Amino acid sequence: MLYSHSLKQNHLFRRLYRKGNSAANRYLVLYLRRNGTGGNRVGITVSAKLGHAVARNRLRRRLREIYRTNEGAFRRGFDLVVVGRTAAMEADYQKLEQAYLTLAGKLGLLRGERL
């Protein structure tokens, strides 16, 4: 990820859940908040209720790859957390990518859109 870092600290996740904007669809929930830096910080969460570790990690890898391949389309200076839902475990890559980009567009994260 060229312009981004991982979001790993629990207090940052909690603040984002509490004070950030969110959008949801069948597959994902996306939380977004300005971070005051020149880059994005990305966190991915998938509940243990959704399956065993192999399946959860596969979903995390897919979501990370979707962000990486579309990173140039995202505006910079935001914290974002992507939460995987049950339907995302069975979804193919194209559906996940479409769901991710749709949510990013709703929140104004894509370049050329106003927040």
PDB file of N, CA and C in Angstrom:
ATOM      1  N   MET A   1       0.849  -1.167   0.000  1.00  0.00           N
ATOM      2  CA  MET A   1       0.000   0.000   0.000  1.00  0.00           C
ATOM      3  C   MET A   1       0.894   1.229   0.000  1.00  0.00           C
ATOM      4  N   LEU A   2       0.768   1.982  -1.040  1.00  0.00           N
ATOM      5  CA  LEU A   2       1.664   3.093  -1.299  1.00  0.00           C
ATOM      6  C   LEU A   2       1.420   4.296  -0.389  1.00  0.00           C
ATOM      7  N   TYR A   3       0.178   4.679  -0.194  1.00  0.00           N
ATOM      8  CA  TYR A   3      -0.142   5.891   0.558  1.00  0.00           C
ATOM      9  C   TYR A   3      -0.816   5.590   1.896  1.00  0.00           C
ATOM     10  N   SER A   4      -0.757   4.354   2.340  1.00  0.00           N
ATOM     11  CA  SER A   4      -1.553   3.953   3.495  1.00  0.00           C
ATOM     12  C   SER A   4      -0.739   3.158   4.491  1.00  0.00           C
ATOM     13  N   HIS A   5      -1.285   3.102   5.699  1.00  0.00           N
ATOM     14  CA  HIS A   5      -0.713   2.306   6.778  1.00  0.00           C
ATOM     15  C   HIS A   5      -1.837   1.509   7.420  1.00  0.00           C
ATOM     16  N   SER A   6      -1.448   0.536   8.233  1.00  0.00           N
ATOM     17  CA  SER A   6      -2.442  -0.256   8.945  1.00  0.00           C
ATOM     18  C   SER A   6      -2.934   0.495  10.170  1.00  0.00           C
ATOM     19  N   LEU A   7      -4.181   0.317  10.467  1.00  0.00           N
ATOM     20  CA  LEU A   7      -4.794   0.857  11.673  1.00  0.00           C
ATOM     21  C   LEU A   7      -4.866  -0.308  12.651  1.00  0.00           C
ATOM     22  N   LYS A   8      -4.118  -0.228  13.753  1.00  0.00           N
ATOM     23  CA  LYS A   8      -4.020  -1.374  14.645  1.00  0.00           C
ATOM     24  C   LYS A   8      -4.400  -1.074  16.083  1.00  0.00           C
ATOM     25  N   GLN A   9      -4.379   0.178  16.481  1.00  0.00           N
ATOM     26  CA  GLN A   9      -4.614   0.505  17.887  1.00  0.00           C
ATOM     27  C   GLN A   9      -6.102   0.524  18.209  1.00  0.00           C
ATOM     28  N   ASN A  10      -6.445  -0.131  19.294  1.00  0.00           N
ATOM     29  CA  ASN A  10      -7.839  -0.302  19.683  1.00  0.00           C
ATOM     30  C   ASN A  10      -8.545   1.034  19.904  1.00  0.00           C
ATOM     31  N   HIS A  11      -7.876   2.003  20.515  1.00  0.00           N
ATOM     32  CA  HIS A  11      -8.545   3.278  20.778  1.00  0.00           C
ATOM     33  C   HIS A  11      -8.888   4.017  19.483  1.00  0.00           C
ATOM     34  N   LEU A  12      -8.105   3.810  18.428  1.00  0.00           N
ATOM     35  CA  LEU A  12      -8.425   4.419  17.132  1.00  0.00           C
ATOM     36  C   LEU A  12      -9.660   3.764  16.503  1.00  0.00           C
ATOM     37  N   PHE A  13      -9.766   2.455  16.644  1.00  0.00           N
ATOM     38  CA  PHE A  13     -10.954   1.752  16.156  1.00  0.00           C
ATOM     39  C   PHE A  13     -12.193   2.247  16.902  1.00  0.00           C
ATOM     40  N   ARG A  14     -12.101   2.324  18.229  1.00  0.00           N
ATOM     41  CA  ARG A  14     -13.252   2.748  19.031  1.00  0.00           C
ATOM     42  C   ARG A  14     -13.684   4.169  18.689  1.00  0.00           C
ATOM     43  N   ARG A  15     -12.696   5.072  18.520  1.00  0.00           N
ATOM     44  CA  ARG A  15     -13.026   6.450  18.178  1.00  0.00           C
ATOM     45  C   ARG A  15     -13.701   6.517  16.810  1.00  0.00           C
ATOM     46  N   LEU A  16     -13.226   5.708  15.879  1.00  0.00           N
ATOM     47  CA  LEU A  16     -13.812   5.676  14.543  1.00  0.00           C
ATOM     48  C   LEU A  16     -15.251   5.156  14.573  1.00  0.00           C
ATOM     49  N   TYR A  17     -15.501   4.120  15.354  1.00  0.00           N
ATOM     50  CA  TYR A  17     -16.866   3.595  15.489  1.00  0.00           C
ATOM     51  C   TYR A  17     -17.780   4.646  16.111  1.00  0.00           C
ATOM     52  N   ARG A  18     -17.270   5.381  17.091  1.00  0.00           N
ATOM     53  CA  ARG A  18     -18.081   6.329  17.837  1.00  0.00           C
ATOM     54  C   ARG A  18     -18.325   7.634  17.074  1.00  0.00           C
ATOM     55  N   LYS A  19     -17.291   8.169  16.433  1.00  0.00           N
ATOM     56  CA  LYS A  19     -17.377   9.506  15.853  1.00  0.00           C
ATOM     57  C   LYS A  19     -17.343   9.541  14.324  1.00  0.00           C
ATOM     58  N   GLY A  20     -17.096   8.418  13.689  1.00  0.00           N
ATOM     59  CA  GLY A  20     -16.957   8.417  12.234  1.00  0.00           C
ATOM     60  C   GLY A  20     -18.280   8.265  11.512  1.00  0.00           C
ATOM     61  N   ASN A  21     -18.236   8.503  10.219  1.00  0.00           N
ATOM     62  CA  ASN A  21     -19.383   8.257   9.343  1.00  0.00           C
ATOM     63  C   ASN A  21     -19.360   6.797   8.940  1.00  0.00           C
ATOM     64  N   SER A  22     -20.521   6.243   8.646  1.00  0.00           N
ATOM     65  CA  SER A  22     -20.552   4.843   8.242  1.00  0.00           C
ATOM     66  C   SER A  22     -21.557   4.628   7.121  1.00  0.00           C
ATOM     67  N   ALA A  23     -21.307   3.575   6.382  1.00  0.00           N
ATOM     68  CA  ALA A  23     -22.230   3.120   5.338  1.00  0.00           C
ATOM     69  C   ALA A  23     -22.165   1.597   5.342  1.00  0.00           C
ATOM     70  N   ALA A  24     -23.271   0.970   5.025  1.00  0.00           N
ATOM     71  CA  ALA A  24     -23.324  -0.490   5.087  1.00  0.00           C
ATOM     72  C   ALA A  24     -24.104  -1.038   3.907  1.00  0.00           C
ATOM     73  N   ASN A  25     -23.767  -2.254   3.552  1.00  0.00           N
ATOM     74  CA  ASN A  25     -24.555  -3.010   2.595  1.00  0.00           C
ATOM     75  C   ASN A  25     -24.566  -4.462   3.052  1.00  0.00           C
ATOM     76  N   ARG A  26     -24.969  -5.337   2.199  1.00  0.00           N
ATOM     77  CA  ARG A  26     -25.125  -6.744   2.569  1.00  0.00           C
ATOM     78  C   ARG A  26     -23.800  -7.401   2.962  1.00  0.00           C
ATOM     79  N   TYR A  27     -22.710  -6.960   2.363  1.00  0.00           N
ATOM     80  CA  TYR A  27     -21.426  -7.621   2.544  1.00  0.00           C
ATOM     81  C   TYR A  27     -20.509  -6.948   3.560  1.00  0.00           C
ATOM     82  N   LEU A  28     -20.547  -5.617   3.630  1.00  0.00           N
ATOM     83  CA  LEU A  28     -19.562  -4.880   4.410  1.00  0.00           C
ATOM     84  C   LEU A  28     -20.179  -3.698   5.133  1.00  0.00           C
ATOM     85  N   VAL A  29     -19.470  -3.232   6.153  1.00  0.00           N
ATOM     86  CA  VAL A  29     -19.747  -1.941   6.785  1.00  0.00           C
ATOM     87  C   VAL A  29     -18.448  -1.163   6.700  1.00  0.00           C
ATOM     88  N   LEU A  30     -18.520   0.089   6.285  1.00  0.00           N
ATOM     89  CA  LEU A  30     -17.331   0.932   6.150  1.00  0.00           C
ATOM     90  C   LEU A  30     -17.494   2.148   7.054  1.00  0.00           C
ATOM     91  N   TYR A  31     -16.508   2.335   7.930  1.00  0.00           N
ATOM     92  CA  TYR A  31     -16.463   3.499   8.812  1.00  0.00           C
ATOM     93  C   TYR A  31     -15.360   4.420   8.310  1.00  0.00           C
ATOM     94  N   LEU A  32     -15.612   5.729   8.360  1.00  0.00           N
ATOM     95  CA  LEU A  32     -14.682   6.697   7.792  1.00  0.00           C
ATOM     96  C   LEU A  32     -14.600   7.933   8.672  1.00  0.00           C
ATOM     97  N   ARG A  33     -13.385   8.462   8.834  1.00  0.00           N
ATOM     98  CA  ARG A  33     -13.176   9.688   9.604  1.00  0.00           C
ATOM     99  C   ARG A  33     -11.874  10.324   9.157  1.00  0.00           C
ATOM    100  N   ARG A  34     -11.836  11.653   9.085  1.00  0.00           N
ATOM    101  CA  ARG A  34     -10.595  12.353   8.743  1.00  0.00           C
ATOM    102  C   ARG A  34      -9.557  12.104   9.829  1.00  0.00           C
ATOM    103  N   ASN A  35      -8.272  11.986   9.420  1.00  0.00           N
ATOM    104  CA  ASN A  35      -7.239  11.730  10.415  1.00  0.00           C
ATOM    105  C   ASN A  35      -6.196  12.839  10.513  1.00  0.00           C
ATOM    106  N   GLY A  36      -6.252  13.841   9.647  1.00  0.00           N
ATOM    107  CA  GLY A  36      -5.329  14.961   9.745  1.00  0.00           C
ATOM    108  C   GLY A  36      -3.919  14.671   9.261  1.00  0.00           C
ATOM    109  N   THR A  37      -3.713  13.584   8.554  1.00  0.00           N
ATOM    110  CA  THR A  37      -2.403  13.268   7.995  1.00  0.00           C
ATOM    111  C   THR A  37      -2.513  13.255   6.470  1.00  0.00           C
ATOM    112  N   GLY A  38      -1.409  13.030   5.821  1.00  0.00           N
ATOM    113  CA  GLY A  38      -1.412  13.004   4.366  1.00  0.00           C
ATOM    114  C   GLY A  38      -1.723  11.648   3.774  1.00  0.00           C
ATOM    115  N   GLY A  39      -1.952  10.652   4.611  1.00  0.00           N
ATOM    116  CA  GLY A  39      -2.225   9.312   4.108  1.00  0.00           C
ATOM    117  C   GLY A  39      -3.421   8.694   4.787  1.00  0.00           C
ATOM    118  N   ASN A  40      -3.790   7.532   4.327  1.00  0.00           N
ATOM    119  CA  ASN A  40      -4.905   6.800   4.915  1.00  0.00           C
ATOM    120  C   ASN A  40      -4.384   5.745   5.880  1.00  0.00           C
ATOM    121  N   ARG A  41      -5.202   5.446   6.864  1.00  0.00           N
ATOM    122  CA  ARG A  41      -4.933   4.324   7.756  1.00  0.00           C
ATOM    123  C   ARG A  41      -6.117   3.380   7.624  1.00  0.00           C
ATOM    124  N   VAL A  42      -5.836   2.115   7.347  1.00  0.00           N
ATOM    125  CA  VAL A  42      -6.881   1.149   7.032  1.00  0.00           C
ATOM    126  C   VAL A  42      -6.874   0.019   8.045  1.00  0.00           C
ATOM    127  N   GLY A  43      -8.056  -0.273   8.587  1.00  0.00           N
ATOM    128  CA  GLY A  43      -8.231  -1.410   9.483  1.00  0.00           C
ATOM    129  C   GLY A  43      -9.295  -2.335   8.930  1.00  0.00           C
ATOM    130  N   ILE A  44      -9.116  -3.631   9.150  1.00  0.00           N
ATOM    131  CA  ILE A  44     -10.072  -4.625   8.670  1.00  0.00           C
ATOM    132  C   ILE A  44     -10.448  -5.511   9.841  1.00  0.00           C
ATOM    133  N   THR A  45     -11.740  -5.681  10.075  1.00  0.00           N
ATOM    134  CA  THR A  45     -12.186  -6.566  11.141  1.00  0.00           C
ATOM    135  C   THR A  45     -13.172  -7.584  10.597  1.00  0.00           C
ATOM    136  N   VAL A  46     -13.014  -8.803  11.079  1.00  0.00           N
ATOM    137  CA  VAL A  46     -13.918  -9.895  10.742  1.00  0.00           C
ATOM    138  C   VAL A  46     -14.146 -10.677  12.023  1.00  0.00           C
ATOM    139  N   SER A  47     -15.373 -10.762  12.447  1.00  0.00           N
ATOM    140  CA  SER A  47     -15.711 -11.404  13.712  1.00  0.00           C
ATOM    141  C   SER A  47     -15.417 -12.900  13.688  1.00  0.00           C
ATOM    142  N   ALA A  48     -15.056 -13.424  14.840  1.00  0.00           N
ATOM    143  CA  ALA A  48     -14.811 -14.863  14.975  1.00  0.00           C
ATOM    144  C   ALA A  48     -16.096 -15.661  14.777  1.00  0.00           C
ATOM    145  N   LYS A  49     -17.239 -15.018  14.893  1.00  0.00           N
ATOM    146  CA  LYS A  49     -18.517 -15.694  14.688  1.00  0.00           C
ATOM    147  C   LYS A  49     -18.711 -16.120  13.241  1.00  0.00           C
ATOM    148  N   LEU A  50     -17.951 -15.525  12.328  1.00  0.00           N
ATOM    149  CA  LEU A  50     -18.165 -15.770  10.900  1.00  0.00           C
ATOM    150  C   LEU A  50     -17.518 -17.047  10.383  1.00  0.00           C
ATOM    151  N   GLY A  51     -16.632 -17.639  11.141  1.00  0.00           N
ATOM    152  CA  GLY A  51     -16.010 -18.868  10.670  1.00  0.00           C
ATOM    153  C   GLY A  51     -14.666 -19.090  11.313  1.00  0.00           C
ATOM    154  N   HIS A  52     -14.008 -20.134  10.859  1.00  0.00           N
ATOM    155  CA  HIS A  52     -12.701 -20.457  11.417  1.00  0.00           C
ATOM    156  C   HIS A  52     -11.632 -19.535  10.847  1.00  0.00           C
ATOM    157  N   ALA A  53     -10.453 -19.599  11.416  1.00  0.00           N
ATOM    158  CA  ALA A  53      -9.391 -18.630  11.110  1.00  0.00           C
ATOM    159  C   ALA A  53      -9.014 -18.602   9.631  1.00  0.00           C
ATOM    160  N   VAL A  54      -8.995 -19.745   8.992  1.00  0.00           N
ATOM    161  CA  VAL A  54      -8.603 -19.795   7.585  1.00  0.00           C
ATOM    162  C   VAL A  54      -9.576 -18.974   6.731  1.00  0.00           C
ATOM    163  N   ALA A  55     -10.861 -19.139   6.973  1.00  0.00           N
ATOM    164  CA  ALA A  55     -11.875 -18.417   6.203  1.00  0.00           C
ATOM    165  C   ALA A  55     -11.837 -16.918   6.512  1.00  0.00           C
ATOM    166  N   ARG A  56     -11.687 -16.562   7.787  1.00  0.00           N
ATOM    167  CA  ARG A  56     -11.621 -15.142   8.161  1.00  0.00           C
ATOM    168  C   ARG A  56     -10.397 -14.475   7.548  1.00  0.00           C
ATOM    169  N   ASN A  57      -9.271 -15.152   7.586  1.00  0.00           N
ATOM    170  CA  ASN A  57      -8.045 -14.575   7.012  1.00  0.00           C
ATOM    171  C   ASN A  57      -8.142 -14.453   5.500  1.00  0.00           C
ATOM    172  N   ARG A  58      -8.827 -15.366   4.844  1.00  0.00           N
ATOM    173  CA  ARG A  58      -9.037 -15.265   3.394  1.00  0.00           C
ATOM    174  C   ARG A  58      -9.837 -14.005   3.069  1.00  0.00           C
ATOM    175  N   LEU A  59     -10.882 -13.744   3.851  1.00  0.00           N
ATOM    176  CA  LEU A  59     -11.681 -12.539   3.640  1.00  0.00           C
ATOM    177  C   LEU A  59     -10.830 -11.296   3.897  1.00  0.00           C
ATOM    178  N   ARG A  60     -10.027 -11.297   4.952  1.00  0.00           N
ATOM    179  CA  ARG A  60      -9.145 -10.151   5.227  1.00  0.00           C
ATOM    180  C   ARG A  60      -8.186  -9.905   4.078  1.00  0.00           C
ATOM    181  N   ARG A  61      -7.599 -10.958   3.548  1.00  0.00           N
ATOM    182  CA  ARG A  61      -6.668 -10.810   2.414  1.00  0.00           C
ATOM    183  C   ARG A  61      -7.380 -10.230   1.200  1.00  0.00           C
ATOM    184  N   ARG A  62      -8.586 -10.687   0.930  1.00  0.00           N
ATOM    185  CA  ARG A  62      -9.348 -10.157  -0.201  1.00  0.00           C
ATOM    186  C   ARG A  62      -9.633  -8.668  -0.017  1.00  0.00           C
ATOM    187  N   LEU A  63     -10.072  -8.278   1.170  1.00  0.00           N
ATOM    188  CA  LEU A  63     -10.389  -6.876   1.428  1.00  0.00           C
ATOM    189  C   LEU A  63      -9.135  -6.007   1.343  1.00  0.00           C
ATOM    190  N   ARG A  64      -8.025  -6.507   1.830  1.00  0.00           N
ATOM    191  CA  ARG A  64      -6.762  -5.772   1.736  1.00  0.00           C
ATOM    192  C   ARG A  64      -6.339  -5.610   0.281  1.00  0.00           C
ATOM    193  N   GLU A  65      -6.528  -6.643  -0.511  1.00  0.00           N
ATOM    194  CA  GLU A  65      -6.168  -6.591  -1.932  1.00  0.00           C
ATOM    195  C   GLU A  65      -7.078  -5.630  -2.701  1.00  0.00           C
ATOM    196  N   ILE A  66      -8.348  -5.612  -2.374  1.00  0.00           N
ATOM    197  CA  ILE A  66      -9.267  -4.673  -3.019  1.00  0.00           C
ATOM    198  C   ILE A  66      -8.819  -3.250  -2.746  1.00  0.00           C
ATOM    199  N   TYR A  67      -8.465  -2.961  -1.504  1.00  0.00           N
ATOM    200  CA  TYR A  67      -7.983  -1.616  -1.189  1.00  0.00           C
ATOM    201  C   TYR A  67      -6.691  -1.319  -1.941  1.00  0.00           C
ATOM    202  N   ARG A  68      -5.769  -2.264  -1.949  1.00  0.00           N
ATOM    203  CA  ARG A  68      -4.463  -2.046  -2.583  1.00  0.00           C
ATOM    204  C   ARG A  68      -4.604  -1.764  -4.073  1.00  0.00           C
ATOM    205  N   THR A  69      -5.439  -2.514  -4.758  1.00  0.00           N
ATOM    206  CA  THR A  69      -5.562  -2.337  -6.208  1.00  0.00           C
ATOM    207  C   THR A  69      -6.316  -1.057  -6.581  1.00  0.00           C
ATOM    208  N   ASN A  70      -7.141  -0.561  -5.671  1.00  0.00           N
ATOM    209  CA  ASN A  70      -7.917   0.652  -5.942  1.00  0.00           C
ATOM    210  C   ASN A  70      -7.431   1.853  -5.145  1.00  0.00           C
ATOM    211  N   GLU A  71      -6.272   1.749  -4.541  1.00  0.00           N
ATOM    212  CA  GLU A  71      -5.773   2.786  -3.640  1.00  0.00           C
ATOM    213  C   GLU A  71      -5.668   4.156  -4.305  1.00  0.00           C
ATOM    214  N   GLY A  72      -5.314   4.195  -5.565  1.00  0.00           N
ATOM    215  CA  GLY A  72      -5.199   5.460  -6.279  1.00  0.00           C
ATOM    216  C   GLY A  72      -6.513   6.203  -6.430  1.00  0.00           C
ATOM    217  N   ALA A  73      -7.632   5.484  -6.336  1.00  0.00           N
ATOM    218  CA  ALA A  73      -8.950   6.105  -6.485  1.00  0.00           C
ATOM    219  C   ALA A  73      -9.447   6.733  -5.190  1.00  0.00           C
ATOM    220  N   PHE A  74      -8.806   6.402  -4.064  1.00  0.00           N
ATOM    221  CA  PHE A  74      -9.260   6.916  -2.773  1.00  0.00           C
ATOM    222  C   PHE A  74      -8.600   8.233  -2.436  1.00  0.00           C
ATOM    223  N   ARG A  75      -9.385   9.136  -1.836  1.00  0.00           N
ATOM    224  CA  ARG A  75      -8.832  10.388  -1.330  1.00  0.00           C
ATOM    225  C   ARG A  75      -7.965  10.072  -0.118  1.00  0.00           C
ATOM    226  N   ARG A  76      -6.985  10.941   0.149  1.00  0.00           N
ATOM    227  CA  ARG A  76      -6.058  10.710   1.264  1.00  0.00           C
ATOM    228  C   ARG A  76      -6.431  11.546   2.471  1.00  0.00           C
ATOM    229  N   GLY A  77      -5.955  11.095   3.635  1.00  0.00           N
ATOM    230  CA  GLY A  77      -6.182  11.836   4.868  1.00  0.00           C
ATOM    231  C   GLY A  77      -7.330  11.288   5.701  1.00  0.00           C
ATOM    232  N   PHE A  78      -7.612   9.996   5.582  1.00  0.00           N
ATOM    233  CA  PHE A  78      -8.741   9.396   6.290  1.00  0.00           C
ATOM    234  C   PHE A  78      -8.324   8.127   7.016  1.00  0.00           C
ATOM    235  N   ASP A  79      -9.027   7.845   8.115  1.00  0.00           N
ATOM    236  CA  ASP A  79      -8.986   6.535   8.754  1.00  0.00           C
ATOM    237  C   ASP A  79     -10.205   5.786   8.260  1.00  0.00           C
ATOM    238  N   LEU A  80     -10.039   4.530   7.893  1.00  0.00           N
ATOM    239  CA  LEU A  80     -11.199   3.748   7.515  1.00  0.00           C
ATOM    240  C   LEU A  80     -11.091   2.351   8.076  1.00  0.00           C
ATOM    241  N   VAL A  81     -12.223   1.834   8.496  1.00  0.00           N
ATOM    242  CA  VAL A  81     -12.315   0.470   8.998  1.00  0.00           C
ATOM    243  C   VAL A  81     -13.369  -0.242   8.177  1.00  0.00           C
ATOM    244  N   VAL A  82     -13.018  -1.426   7.706  1.00  0.00           N
ATOM    245  CA  VAL A  82     -13.934  -2.260   6.935  1.00  0.00           C
ATOM    246  C   VAL A  82     -14.296  -3.454   7.813  1.00  0.00           C
ATOM    247  N   VAL A  83     -15.593  -3.666   8.009  1.00  0.00           N
ATOM    248  CA  VAL A  83     -16.084  -4.777   8.817  1.00  0.00           C
ATOM    249  C   VAL A  83     -16.768  -5.764   7.890  1.00  0.00           C
ATOM    250  N   GLY A  84     -16.287  -6.998   7.889  1.00  0.00           N
ATOM    251  CA  GLY A  84     -16.886  -8.034   7.063  1.00  0.00           C
ATOM    252  C   GLY A  84     -18.138  -8.606   7.702  1.00  0.00           C
ATOM    253  N   ARG A  85     -19.163  -8.803   6.890  1.00  0.00           N
ATOM    254  CA  ARG A  85     -20.407  -9.403   7.356  1.00  0.00           C
ATOM    255  C   ARG A  85     -20.506 -10.846   6.882  1.00  0.00           C
ATOM    256  N   THR A  86     -21.518 -11.545   7.354  1.00  0.00           N
ATOM    257  CA  THR A  86     -21.687 -12.968   7.052  1.00  0.00           C
ATOM    258  C   THR A  86     -21.727 -13.244   5.555  1.00  0.00           C
ATOM    259  N   ALA A  87     -22.451 -12.449   4.796  1.00  0.00           N
ATOM    260  CA  ALA A  87     -22.588 -12.675   3.349  1.00  0.00           C
ATOM    261  C   ALA A  87     -21.252 -12.528   2.634  1.00  0.00           C
ATOM    262  N   ALA A  88     -20.329 -11.770   3.193  1.00  0.00           N
ATOM    263  CA  ALA A  88     -19.025 -11.567   2.559  1.00  0.00           C
ATOM    264  C   ALA A  88     -18.194 -12.848   2.547  1.00  0.00           C
ATOM    265  N   MET A  89     -18.455 -13.743   3.475  1.00  0.00           N
ATOM    266  CA  MET A  89     -17.690 -14.994   3.542  1.00  0.00           C
ATOM    267  C   MET A  89     -17.932 -15.858   2.303  1.00  0.00           C
ATOM    268  N   GLU A  90     -19.119 -15.777   1.743  1.00  0.00           N
ATOM    269  CA  GLU A  90     -19.484 -16.595   0.581  1.00  0.00           C
ATOM    270  C   GLU A  90     -19.369 -15.842  -0.735  1.00  0.00           C
ATOM    271  N   ALA A  91     -19.192 -14.530  -0.680  1.00  0.00           N
ATOM    272  CA  ALA A  91     -19.198 -13.716  -1.900  1.00  0.00           C
ATOM    273  C   ALA A  91     -17.912 -13.899  -2.696  1.00  0.00           C
ATOM    274  N   ASP A  92     -18.013 -13.781  -4.009  1.00  0.00           N
ATOM    275  CA  ASP A  92     -16.813 -13.838  -4.828  1.00  0.00           C
ATOM    276  C   ASP A  92     -16.128 -12.467  -4.835  1.00  0.00           C
ATOM    277  N   TYR A  93     -14.945 -12.437  -5.379  1.00  0.00           N
ATOM    278  CA  TYR A  93     -14.098 -11.246  -5.325  1.00  0.00           C
ATOM    279  C   TYR A  93     -14.759 -10.038  -5.991  1.00  0.00           C
ATOM    280  N   GLN A  94     -15.395 -10.238  -7.144  1.00  0.00           N
ATOM    281  CA  GLN A  94     -16.003  -9.132  -7.869  1.00  0.00           C
ATOM    282  C   GLN A  94     -17.138  -8.486  -7.079  1.00  0.00           C
ATOM    283  N   LYS A  95     -17.938  -9.296  -6.413  1.00  0.00           N
ATOM    284  CA  LYS A  95     -19.030  -8.750  -5.603  1.00  0.00           C
ATOM    285  C   LYS A  95     -18.481  -7.960  -4.423  1.00  0.00           C
ATOM    286  N   LEU A  96     -17.432  -8.477  -3.795  1.00  0.00           N
ATOM    287  CA  LEU A  96     -16.812  -7.762  -2.682  1.00  0.00           C
ATOM    288  C   LEU A  96     -16.225  -6.430  -3.140  1.00  0.00           C
ATOM    289  N   GLU A  97     -15.551  -6.460  -4.286  1.00  0.00           N
ATOM    290  CA  GLU A  97     -14.954  -5.229  -4.802  1.00  0.00           C
ATOM    291  C   GLU A  97     -16.031  -4.192  -5.119  1.00  0.00           C
ATOM    292  N   GLN A  98     -17.101  -4.621  -5.746  1.00  0.00           N
ATOM    293  CA  GLN A  98     -18.196  -3.715  -6.072  1.00  0.00           C
ATOM    294  C   GLN A  98     -18.820  -3.154  -4.793  1.00  0.00           C
ATOM    295  N   ALA A  99     -19.027  -3.997  -3.791  1.00  0.00           N
ATOM    296  CA  ALA A  99     -19.603  -3.550  -2.526  1.00  0.00           C
ATOM    297  C   ALA A  99     -18.695  -2.541  -1.833  1.00  0.00           C
ATOM    298  N   TYR A 100     -17.391  -2.804  -1.823  1.00  0.00           N
ATOM    299  CA  TYR A 100     -16.400  -1.922  -1.196  1.00  0.00           C
ATOM    300  C   TYR A 100     -16.403  -0.556  -1.862  1.00  0.00           C
ATOM    301  N   LEU A 101     -16.321  -0.530  -3.182  1.00  0.00           N
ATOM    302  CA  LEU A 101     -16.262   0.731  -3.907  1.00  0.00           C
ATOM    303  C   LEU A 101     -17.584   1.501  -3.832  1.00  0.00           C
ATOM    304  N   THR A 102     -18.698   0.793  -3.776  1.00  0.00           N
ATOM    305  CA  THR A 102     -19.994   1.457  -3.622  1.00  0.00           C
ATOM    306  C   THR A 102     -20.071   2.185  -2.285  1.00  0.00           C
ATOM    307  N   LEU A 103     -19.631   1.527  -1.223  1.00  0.00           N
ATOM    308  CA  LEU A 103     -19.639   2.161   0.098  1.00  0.00           C
ATOM    309  C   LEU A 103     -18.680   3.348   0.144  1.00  0.00           C
ATOM    310  N   ALA A 104     -17.509   3.185  -0.463  1.00  0.00           N
ATOM    311  CA  ALA A 104     -16.548   4.292  -0.504  1.00  0.00           C
ATOM    312  C   ALA A 104     -17.140   5.485  -1.246  1.00  0.00           C
ATOM    313  N   GLY A 105     -17.864   5.226  -2.309  1.00  0.00           N
ATOM    314  CA  GLY A 105     -18.511   6.300  -3.052  1.00  0.00           C
ATOM    315  C   GLY A 105     -19.596   6.991  -2.250  1.00  0.00           C
ATOM    316  N   LYS A 106     -20.382   6.210  -1.497  1.00  0.00           N
ATOM    317  CA  LYS A 106     -21.431   6.798  -0.664  1.00  0.00           C
ATOM    318  C   LYS A 106     -20.856   7.746   0.380  1.00  0.00           C
ATOM    319  N   LEU A 107     -19.678   7.410   0.898  1.00  0.00           N
ATOM    320  CA  LEU A 107     -19.052   8.233   1.941  1.00  0.00           C
ATOM    321  C   LEU A 107     -18.179   9.338   1.368  1.00  0.00           C
ATOM    322  N   GLY A 108     -18.078   9.418   0.043  1.00  0.00           N
ATOM    323  CA  GLY A 108     -17.270  10.477  -0.578  1.00  0.00           C
ATOM    324  C   GLY A 108     -15.788  10.233  -0.504  1.00  0.00           C
ATOM    325  N   LEU A 109     -15.388   8.990  -0.369  1.00  0.00           N
ATOM    326  CA  LEU A 109     -13.971   8.656  -0.257  1.00  0.00           C
ATOM    327  C   LEU A 109     -13.273   8.585  -1.611  1.00  0.00           C
ATOM    328  N   LEU A 110     -14.032   8.387  -2.663  1.00  0.00           N
ATOM    329  CA  LEU A 110     -13.434   8.269  -3.989  1.00  0.00           C
ATOM    330  C   LEU A 110     -13.074   9.656  -4.526  1.00  0.00           C
ATOM    331  N   ARG A 111     -11.994   9.725  -5.274  1.00  0.00           N
ATOM    332  CA  ARG A 111     -11.547  11.009  -5.846  1.00  0.00           C
ATOM    333  C   ARG A 111     -12.630  11.572  -6.756  1.00  0.00           C
ATOM    334  N   GLY A 112     -12.730  12.896  -6.766  1.00  0.00           N
ATOM    335  CA  GLY A 112     -13.712  13.556  -7.596  1.00  0.00           C
ATOM    336  C   GLY A 112     -15.068  13.719  -6.943  1.00  0.00           C
ATOM    337  N   GLU A 113     -15.209  13.174  -5.735  1.00  0.00           N
ATOM    338  CA  GLU A 113     -16.464  13.313  -5.010  1.00  0.00           C
ATOM    339  C   GLU A 113     -16.211  14.161  -3.764  1.00  0.00           C
ATOM    340  N   ARG A 114     -17.185  14.923  -3.385  1.00  0.00           N
ATOM    341  CA  ARG A 114     -17.051  15.812  -2.233  1.00  0.00           C
ATOM    342  C   ARG A 114     -17.513  15.096  -0.958  1.00  0.00           C
ATOM    343  N   LEU A 115     -16.839  15.401   0.140  1.00  0.00           N
ATOM    344  CA  LEU A 115     -17.220  14.843   1.437  1.00  0.00           C
ATOM    345  C   LEU A 115     -17.921  15.889   2.263  1.00  0.00           C
TER     346      LEU A 115
END
